[in-house]
């Protein structure tokens, strides 16, 4: 199964949990796989209250996440959402706000 993670290396495709944990996407924030995979010590390297975004992206913890996301043994949420045959299904924007020209960027 080929995984096409839209989040990796994209500073605009992120999710920051209320406790300050920086994760590559909202799917990663709602699933315990990342925390379980890293353990508490490495998971703490993802906190924006302690580290800058650039430090987090260069951290051992984040590199392990990327490695896992792009492996044949990816996280369950990656397989569910970012498998090659699922990408179009989940990333098509439709509904009342589709193509409204809204462009959101976040400066940290």
C-alpha atoms as a PDB file:
ATOM      1  CA  UNK A   1       0.000   0.000   0.000  1.00  0.00           C
ATOM      2  CA  UNK A   2       1.526   3.292  -1.089  1.00  0.00           C
ATOM      3  CA  UNK A   3       1.033   6.184   1.355  1.00  0.00           C
ATOM      4  CA  UNK A   4       0.958   9.764   0.063  1.00  0.00           C
ATOM      5  CA  UNK A   5       1.160  11.914   3.219  1.00  0.00           C
ATOM      6  CA  UNK A   6       0.127  15.448   2.298  1.00  0.00           C
ATOM      7  CA  UNK A   7       1.370  16.748   5.632  1.00  0.00           C
ATOM      8  CA  UNK A   8       5.069  15.899   5.618  1.00  0.00           C
ATOM      9  CA  UNK A   9       7.334  18.868   5.041  1.00  0.00           C
ATOM     10  CA  UNK A  10       4.388  21.222   4.693  1.00  0.00           C
ATOM     11  CA  UNK A  11       4.406  23.879   7.423  1.00  0.00           C
ATOM     12  CA  UNK A  12       0.859  24.870   6.529  1.00  0.00           C
ATOM     13  CA  UNK A  13      -0.566  21.367   6.991  1.00  0.00           C
ATOM     14  CA  UNK A  14      -0.161  21.039  10.730  1.00  0.00           C
ATOM     15  CA  UNK A  15      -2.174  20.527  13.856  1.00  0.00           C
ATOM     16  CA  UNK A  16      -1.306  21.969  17.242  1.00  0.00           C
ATOM     17  CA  UNK A  17      -3.072  20.352  20.166  1.00  0.00           C
ATOM     18  CA  UNK A  18      -4.265  22.524  23.076  1.00  0.00           C
ATOM     19  CA  UNK A  19      -1.264  21.344  25.135  1.00  0.00           C
ATOM     20  CA  UNK A  20       1.136  22.695  22.469  1.00  0.00           C
ATOM     21  CA  UNK A  21       1.955  19.403  20.750  1.00  0.00           C
ATOM     22  CA  UNK A  22       2.799  19.962  17.073  1.00  0.00           C
ATOM     23  CA  UNK A  23       1.641  17.127  14.839  1.00  0.00           C
ATOM     24  CA  UNK A  24       1.640  16.779  11.060  1.00  0.00           C
ATOM     25  CA  UNK A  25      -2.161  16.595  10.773  1.00  0.00           C
ATOM     26  CA  UNK A  26      -5.423  16.446  12.689  1.00  0.00           C
ATOM     27  CA  UNK A  27      -5.653  12.687  12.123  1.00  0.00           C
ATOM     28  CA  UNK A  28      -2.421  12.230  14.083  1.00  0.00           C
ATOM     29  CA  UNK A  29      -3.824  14.268  16.959  1.00  0.00           C
ATOM     30  CA  UNK A  30      -6.871  12.083  17.473  1.00  0.00           C
ATOM     31  CA  UNK A  31      -5.091   8.753  17.367  1.00  0.00           C
ATOM     32  CA  UNK A  32      -2.758   7.391  20.098  1.00  0.00           C
ATOM     33  CA  UNK A  33      -0.454   5.714  17.536  1.00  0.00           C
ATOM     34  CA  UNK A  34       2.108   8.547  17.421  1.00  0.00           C
ATOM     35  CA  UNK A  35       2.400   8.907  21.188  1.00  0.00           C
ATOM     36  CA  UNK A  36       2.588   5.128  21.627  1.00  0.00           C
ATOM     37  CA  UNK A  37       5.212   4.834  18.883  1.00  0.00           C
ATOM     38  CA  UNK A  38       7.448   7.588  20.281  1.00  0.00           C
ATOM     39  CA  UNK A  39       7.010   7.208  24.024  1.00  0.00           C
ATOM     40  CA  UNK A  40       6.681  10.159  26.390  1.00  0.00           C
ATOM     41  CA  UNK A  41      10.275  11.434  26.205  1.00  0.00           C
ATOM     42  CA  UNK A  42      10.350  11.734  22.418  1.00  0.00           C
ATOM     43  CA  UNK A  43       6.722  12.898  22.232  1.00  0.00           C
ATOM     44  CA  UNK A  44       7.730  15.859  24.434  1.00  0.00           C
ATOM     45  CA  UNK A  45      10.082  17.032  21.633  1.00  0.00           C
ATOM     46  CA  UNK A  46       6.971  18.020  19.653  1.00  0.00           C
ATOM     47  CA  UNK A  47       5.843  20.757  22.045  1.00  0.00           C
ATOM     48  CA  UNK A  48       5.852  24.346  20.733  1.00  0.00           C
ATOM     49  CA  UNK A  49       6.046  25.702  24.283  1.00  0.00           C
ATOM     50  CA  UNK A  50       9.527  24.180  24.551  1.00  0.00           C
ATOM     51  CA  UNK A  51      10.797  24.144  20.958  1.00  0.00           C
ATOM     52  CA  UNK A  52      10.450  26.237  17.795  1.00  0.00           C
ATOM     53  CA  UNK A  53       8.701  24.785  14.759  1.00  0.00           C
ATOM     54  CA  UNK A  54      12.058  24.441  13.002  1.00  0.00           C
ATOM     55  CA  UNK A  55      13.525  22.616  16.018  1.00  0.00           C
ATOM     56  CA  UNK A  56      10.521  20.275  16.048  1.00  0.00           C
ATOM     57  CA  UNK A  57      10.827  19.565  12.313  1.00  0.00           C
ATOM     58  CA  UNK A  58      14.514  18.704  12.832  1.00  0.00           C
ATOM     59  CA  UNK A  59      13.929  16.678  16.007  1.00  0.00           C
ATOM     60  CA  UNK A  60      14.547  12.954  16.293  1.00  0.00           C
ATOM     61  CA  UNK A  61      10.875  12.520  17.228  1.00  0.00           C
ATOM     62  CA  UNK A  62       9.577  14.217  14.073  1.00  0.00           C
ATOM     63  CA  UNK A  63      12.027  12.303  11.891  1.00  0.00           C
ATOM     64  CA  UNK A  64      10.705   9.061  13.375  1.00  0.00           C
ATOM     65  CA  UNK A  65       7.138  10.150  12.580  1.00  0.00           C
ATOM     66  CA  UNK A  66       8.061  10.894   8.959  1.00  0.00           C
ATOM     67  CA  UNK A  67       9.926   7.598   8.666  1.00  0.00           C
ATOM     68  CA  UNK A  68       6.915   5.685   9.997  1.00  0.00           C
ATOM     69  CA  UNK A  69       4.399   7.604   7.856  1.00  0.00           C
ATOM     70  CA  UNK A  70       6.292   6.812   4.682  1.00  0.00           C
ATOM     71  CA  UNK A  71       7.046   3.174   5.499  1.00  0.00           C
ATOM     72  CA  UNK A  72       5.159   0.033   4.568  1.00  0.00           C
ATOM     73  CA  UNK A  73       4.245  -0.185   8.251  1.00  0.00           C
ATOM     74  CA  UNK A  74       2.668   3.276   8.463  1.00  0.00           C
ATOM     75  CA  UNK A  75       0.309   4.499  11.175  1.00  0.00           C
ATOM     76  CA  UNK A  76      -3.254   3.200  10.918  1.00  0.00           C
ATOM     77  CA  UNK A  77      -4.649   6.708  10.279  1.00  0.00           C
ATOM     78  CA  UNK A  78      -2.213   7.206   7.364  1.00  0.00           C
ATOM     79  CA  UNK A  79      -3.384   3.978   5.780  1.00  0.00           C
ATOM     80  CA  UNK A  80      -6.979   5.037   6.249  1.00  0.00           C
ATOM     81  CA  UNK A  81      -6.661   8.612   4.985  1.00  0.00           C
ATOM     82  CA  UNK A  82      -3.518   8.912   2.854  1.00  0.00           C
ATOM     83  CA  UNK A  83      -3.304   5.621   1.001  1.00  0.00           C
ATOM     84  CA  UNK A  84      -2.839   6.264  -2.696  1.00  0.00           C
ATOM     85  CA  UNK A  85      -6.375   5.063  -3.455  1.00  0.00           C
ATOM     86  CA  UNK A  86      -7.899   7.239  -0.692  1.00  0.00           C
ATOM     87  CA  UNK A  87      -6.255  10.617  -1.301  1.00  0.00           C
ATOM     88  CA  UNK A  88      -8.756  11.966  -3.826  1.00  0.00           C
ATOM     89  CA  UNK A  89     -11.656  10.736  -1.700  1.00  0.00           C
ATOM     90  CA  UNK A  90     -10.526  12.607   1.429  1.00  0.00           C
ATOM     91  CA  UNK A  91      -8.915  15.713  -0.025  1.00  0.00           C
ATOM     92  CA  UNK A  92     -11.650  16.846  -2.394  1.00  0.00           C
ATOM     93  CA  UNK A  93     -13.125  20.044  -1.045  1.00  0.00           C
ATOM     94  CA  UNK A  94     -16.811  20.460  -1.615  1.00  0.00           C
ATOM     95  CA  UNK A  95     -19.717  22.059   0.133  1.00  0.00           C
ATOM     96  CA  UNK A  96     -20.586  25.683   0.836  1.00  0.00           C
ATOM     97  CA  UNK A  97     -16.980  26.867   1.310  1.00  0.00           C
ATOM     98  CA  UNK A  98     -15.371  25.122  -1.657  1.00  0.00           C
ATOM     99  CA  UNK A  99     -13.486  27.395  -4.003  1.00  0.00           C
ATOM    100  CA  UNK A 100     -14.426  30.543  -2.107  1.00  0.00           C
ATOM    101  CA  UNK A 101     -10.925  31.951  -2.574  1.00  0.00           C
ATOM    102  CA  UNK A 102     -10.160  31.770   1.118  1.00  0.00           C
ATOM    103  CA  UNK A 103      -6.445  31.505   1.756  1.00  0.00           C
ATOM    104  CA  UNK A 104      -5.368  30.998   5.343  1.00  0.00           C
ATOM    105  CA  UNK A 105      -1.794  31.109   6.542  1.00  0.00           C
ATOM    106  CA  UNK A 106      -0.440  30.930  10.055  1.00  0.00           C
ATOM    107  CA  UNK A 107       2.639  32.754  11.276  1.00  0.00           C
ATOM    108  CA  UNK A 108       4.299  31.317  14.361  1.00  0.00           C
END
